[in-house]
Amino acid sequence: MIGYIETRTDIKYDKKEDMVNMCKAWDDHKKPGIQEGIQQGRCLEIYSLVQDGILEPEVGASRVSMSLDDFADAM
């Protein structure tokens, strides 16, 4: 855990500079959330296509890398 002792987070602490680059830390922190949001939006779009009868459920499940049962539960 780099920097945990100095910042009590997983934000990297630069001992040479004796500071934390908060802009980079914030960017690093928000990237996983953005990716998660993109994935959720993609799933919602696939669910909608299946519900509208445009895609077969098996195709939808395959596109979001889920089993058919998990896909049906998620919808």
N, C-alpha and C. Protein backbone atom coordinates (compact mmCIF):
# COMPACT_ATOMS: atom_id res chain seq x y z
N MET A 1 0.84 -1.18 0.00
CA MET A 1 0.00 0.00 0.00
C MET A 1 0.88 1.23 0.00
N ILE A 2 1.02 1.78 -1.14
CA ILE A 2 1.86 2.97 -1.27
C ILE A 2 1.13 4.17 -0.70
N GLY A 3 1.72 4.82 0.21
CA GLY A 3 1.19 6.07 0.72
C GLY A 3 0.11 5.95 1.79
N TYR A 4 -0.25 4.75 2.20
CA TYR A 4 -1.34 4.64 3.16
C TYR A 4 -1.00 5.32 4.48
N ILE A 5 0.21 5.13 4.94
CA ILE A 5 0.61 5.71 6.23
C ILE A 5 0.56 7.24 6.17
N GLU A 6 1.04 7.80 5.05
CA GLU A 6 1.10 9.25 4.94
C GLU A 6 -0.27 9.88 4.70
N THR A 7 -1.14 9.21 3.90
CA THR A 7 -2.40 9.83 3.52
C THR A 7 -3.63 9.07 4.00
N ARG A 8 -3.43 7.88 4.55
CA ARG A 8 -4.50 7.00 5.00
C ARG A 8 -5.45 6.63 3.85
N THR A 9 -4.93 6.62 2.64
CA THR A 9 -5.66 6.21 1.44
C THR A 9 -4.70 5.42 0.56
N ASP A 10 -5.17 4.98 -0.60
CA ASP A 10 -4.28 4.32 -1.53
C ASP A 10 -3.68 5.31 -2.54
N ILE A 11 -3.81 6.60 -2.25
CA ILE A 11 -3.25 7.64 -3.10
C ILE A 11 -1.73 7.62 -2.95
N LYS A 12 -1.04 7.67 -4.08
CA LYS A 12 0.42 7.63 -4.05
C LYS A 12 0.98 8.91 -3.45
N TYR A 13 1.95 8.73 -2.59
CA TYR A 13 2.60 9.83 -1.90
C TYR A 13 4.03 9.93 -2.42
N ASP A 14 4.41 11.08 -2.94
CA ASP A 14 5.75 11.28 -3.49
C ASP A 14 6.66 11.80 -2.39
N LYS A 15 7.50 10.90 -1.86
CA LYS A 15 8.37 11.31 -0.75
C LYS A 15 9.41 12.34 -1.17
N LYS A 16 9.86 12.28 -2.45
CA LYS A 16 10.83 13.27 -2.92
C LYS A 16 10.22 14.67 -2.89
N GLU A 17 9.00 14.78 -3.33
CA GLU A 17 8.33 16.07 -3.38
C GLU A 17 7.66 16.41 -2.05
N ASP A 18 7.50 15.41 -1.19
CA ASP A 18 6.83 15.55 0.09
C ASP A 18 5.41 16.11 -0.09
N MET A 19 4.72 15.55 -1.09
CA MET A 19 3.36 16.01 -1.35
C MET A 19 2.58 14.95 -2.13
N VAL A 20 1.29 15.14 -2.19
CA VAL A 20 0.39 14.27 -2.95
C VAL A 20 -0.17 15.09 -4.10
N ASN A 21 -0.08 14.55 -5.31
CA ASN A 21 -0.66 15.22 -6.47
C ASN A 21 -2.15 14.92 -6.47
N MET A 22 -2.95 15.81 -5.95
CA MET A 22 -4.38 15.56 -5.78
C MET A 22 -5.12 15.51 -7.11
N CYS A 23 -4.66 16.23 -8.11
CA CYS A 23 -5.31 16.16 -9.42
C CYS A 23 -5.18 14.76 -9.99
N LYS A 24 -3.97 14.21 -9.94
CA LYS A 24 -3.77 12.86 -10.43
C LYS A 24 -4.50 11.86 -9.55
N ALA A 25 -4.49 12.08 -8.26
CA ALA A 25 -5.18 11.17 -7.35
C ALA A 25 -6.67 11.14 -7.65
N TRP A 26 -7.25 12.30 -7.91
CA TRP A 26 -8.68 12.36 -8.21
C TRP A 26 -8.97 11.65 -9.54
N ASP A 27 -8.13 11.89 -10.55
CA ASP A 27 -8.30 11.22 -11.84
C ASP A 27 -8.22 9.71 -11.67
N ASP A 28 -7.24 9.24 -10.93
CA ASP A 28 -7.09 7.80 -10.70
C ASP A 28 -8.29 7.24 -9.94
N HIS A 29 -8.83 8.02 -9.04
CA HIS A 29 -9.96 7.59 -8.21
C HIS A 29 -11.25 7.47 -9.03
N LYS A 30 -11.46 8.39 -9.96
CA LYS A 30 -12.74 8.42 -10.68
C LYS A 30 -12.78 7.47 -11.88
N LYS A 31 -11.64 7.04 -12.40
CA LYS A 31 -11.62 6.17 -13.58
C LYS A 31 -12.41 4.88 -13.39
N PRO A 32 -12.26 4.16 -12.28
CA PRO A 32 -13.06 2.94 -12.11
C PRO A 32 -14.56 3.21 -12.09
N GLY A 33 -14.96 4.32 -11.52
CA GLY A 33 -16.38 4.67 -11.49
C GLY A 33 -16.93 4.97 -12.87
N ILE A 34 -16.12 5.62 -13.69
CA ILE A 34 -16.53 5.90 -15.06
C ILE A 34 -16.69 4.59 -15.83
N GLN A 35 -15.72 3.69 -15.69
CA GLN A 35 -15.81 2.41 -16.38
C GLN A 35 -17.03 1.61 -15.91
N GLU A 36 -17.31 1.65 -14.63
CA GLU A 36 -18.47 0.95 -14.10
C GLU A 36 -19.76 1.53 -14.67
N GLY A 37 -19.83 2.84 -14.78
CA GLY A 37 -21.00 3.50 -15.35
C GLY A 37 -21.20 3.15 -16.81
N ILE A 38 -20.11 3.08 -17.56
CA ILE A 38 -20.19 2.69 -18.96
C ILE A 38 -20.74 1.27 -19.07
N GLN A 39 -20.22 0.37 -18.24
CA GLN A 39 -20.68 -1.02 -18.27
C GLN A 39 -22.15 -1.12 -17.89
N GLN A 40 -22.58 -0.38 -16.89
CA GLN A 40 -23.99 -0.41 -16.48
C GLN A 40 -24.88 0.11 -17.61
N GLY A 41 -24.46 1.17 -18.26
CA GLY A 41 -25.23 1.72 -19.38
C GLY A 41 -25.34 0.73 -20.52
N ARG A 42 -24.25 0.04 -20.80
CA ARG A 42 -24.25 -0.97 -21.85
C ARG A 42 -25.24 -2.09 -21.51
N CYS A 43 -25.20 -2.54 -20.27
CA CYS A 43 -26.12 -3.59 -19.84
C CYS A 43 -27.57 -3.13 -19.97
N LEU A 44 -27.86 -1.91 -19.55
CA LEU A 44 -29.22 -1.40 -19.63
C LEU A 44 -29.70 -1.34 -21.08
N GLU A 45 -28.81 -0.96 -21.98
CA GLU A 45 -29.16 -0.90 -23.40
C GLU A 45 -29.46 -2.29 -23.95
N ILE A 46 -28.63 -3.27 -23.57
CA ILE A 46 -28.86 -4.65 -24.01
C ILE A 46 -30.17 -5.17 -23.44
N TYR A 47 -30.44 -4.90 -22.16
CA TYR A 47 -31.70 -5.33 -21.55
C TYR A 47 -32.88 -4.75 -22.34
N SER A 48 -32.79 -3.49 -22.67
CA SER A 48 -33.85 -2.82 -23.40
C SER A 48 -34.07 -3.46 -24.78
N LEU A 49 -32.99 -3.77 -25.47
CA LEU A 49 -33.10 -4.41 -26.79
C LEU A 49 -33.78 -5.77 -26.68
N VAL A 50 -33.47 -6.51 -25.62
CA VAL A 50 -34.10 -7.81 -25.42
C VAL A 50 -35.58 -7.63 -25.07
N GLN A 51 -35.89 -6.70 -24.19
CA GLN A 51 -37.28 -6.47 -23.80
C GLN A 51 -38.14 -6.00 -24.98
N ASP A 52 -37.52 -5.26 -25.92
CA ASP A 52 -38.24 -4.78 -27.10
C ASP A 52 -38.33 -5.84 -28.19
N GLY A 53 -37.70 -6.99 -27.97
CA GLY A 53 -37.76 -8.07 -28.95
C GLY A 53 -36.78 -7.92 -30.10
N ILE A 54 -35.85 -6.98 -30.00
CA ILE A 54 -34.87 -6.76 -31.06
C ILE A 54 -33.74 -7.78 -30.98
N LEU A 55 -33.36 -8.16 -29.77
CA LEU A 55 -32.32 -9.18 -29.54
C LEU A 55 -32.95 -10.37 -28.82
N GLU A 56 -32.45 -11.53 -29.15
CA GLU A 56 -32.84 -12.73 -28.40
C GLU A 56 -32.12 -12.71 -27.05
N PRO A 57 -32.75 -13.23 -26.00
CA PRO A 57 -32.12 -13.23 -24.67
C PRO A 57 -30.74 -13.91 -24.67
N GLU A 58 -30.57 -14.96 -25.43
CA GLU A 58 -29.27 -15.66 -25.48
C GLU A 58 -28.18 -14.75 -26.03
N VAL A 59 -28.53 -13.96 -27.04
CA VAL A 59 -27.57 -13.02 -27.64
C VAL A 59 -27.25 -11.92 -26.64
N GLY A 60 -28.26 -11.40 -25.97
CA GLY A 60 -28.05 -10.35 -24.97
C GLY A 60 -27.14 -10.83 -23.85
N ALA A 61 -27.41 -12.03 -23.35
CA ALA A 61 -26.58 -12.59 -22.27
C ALA A 61 -25.14 -12.73 -22.73
N SER A 62 -24.96 -13.19 -23.95
CA SER A 62 -23.62 -13.36 -24.49
C SER A 62 -22.89 -12.01 -24.60
N ARG A 63 -23.60 -10.99 -25.02
CA ARG A 63 -22.98 -9.66 -25.22
C ARG A 63 -22.52 -9.03 -23.91
N VAL A 64 -23.15 -9.39 -22.81
CA VAL A 64 -22.71 -8.84 -21.52
C VAL A 64 -21.99 -9.89 -20.68
N SER A 65 -21.59 -10.98 -21.32
CA SER A 65 -20.80 -12.03 -20.68
C SER A 65 -21.46 -12.58 -19.42
N MET A 66 -22.75 -12.92 -19.54
CA MET A 66 -23.49 -13.50 -18.42
C MET A 66 -24.12 -14.82 -18.88
N SER A 67 -24.40 -15.65 -17.89
CA SER A 67 -25.20 -16.83 -18.21
C SER A 67 -26.62 -16.35 -18.47
N LEU A 68 -27.40 -17.16 -19.16
CA LEU A 68 -28.78 -16.78 -19.46
C LEU A 68 -29.58 -16.57 -18.18
N ASP A 69 -29.36 -17.42 -17.18
CA ASP A 69 -30.09 -17.27 -15.91
C ASP A 69 -29.72 -15.96 -15.20
N ASP A 70 -28.41 -15.65 -15.15
CA ASP A 70 -27.98 -14.41 -14.51
C ASP A 70 -28.52 -13.18 -15.27
N PHE A 71 -28.52 -13.29 -16.59
CA PHE A 71 -29.02 -12.20 -17.43
C PHE A 71 -30.50 -11.96 -17.15
N ALA A 72 -31.27 -13.03 -17.08
CA ALA A 72 -32.71 -12.92 -16.81
C ALA A 72 -32.96 -12.32 -15.43
N ASP A 73 -32.16 -12.72 -14.44
CA ASP A 73 -32.30 -12.16 -13.10
C ASP A 73 -31.96 -10.67 -13.07
N ALA A 74 -30.94 -10.28 -13.84
CA ALA A 74 -30.50 -8.89 -13.85
C ALA A 74 -31.49 -7.96 -14.54
N MET A 75 -32.23 -8.53 -15.50
CA MET A 75 -33.21 -7.70 -16.21
C MET A 75 -34.37 -7.36 -15.28
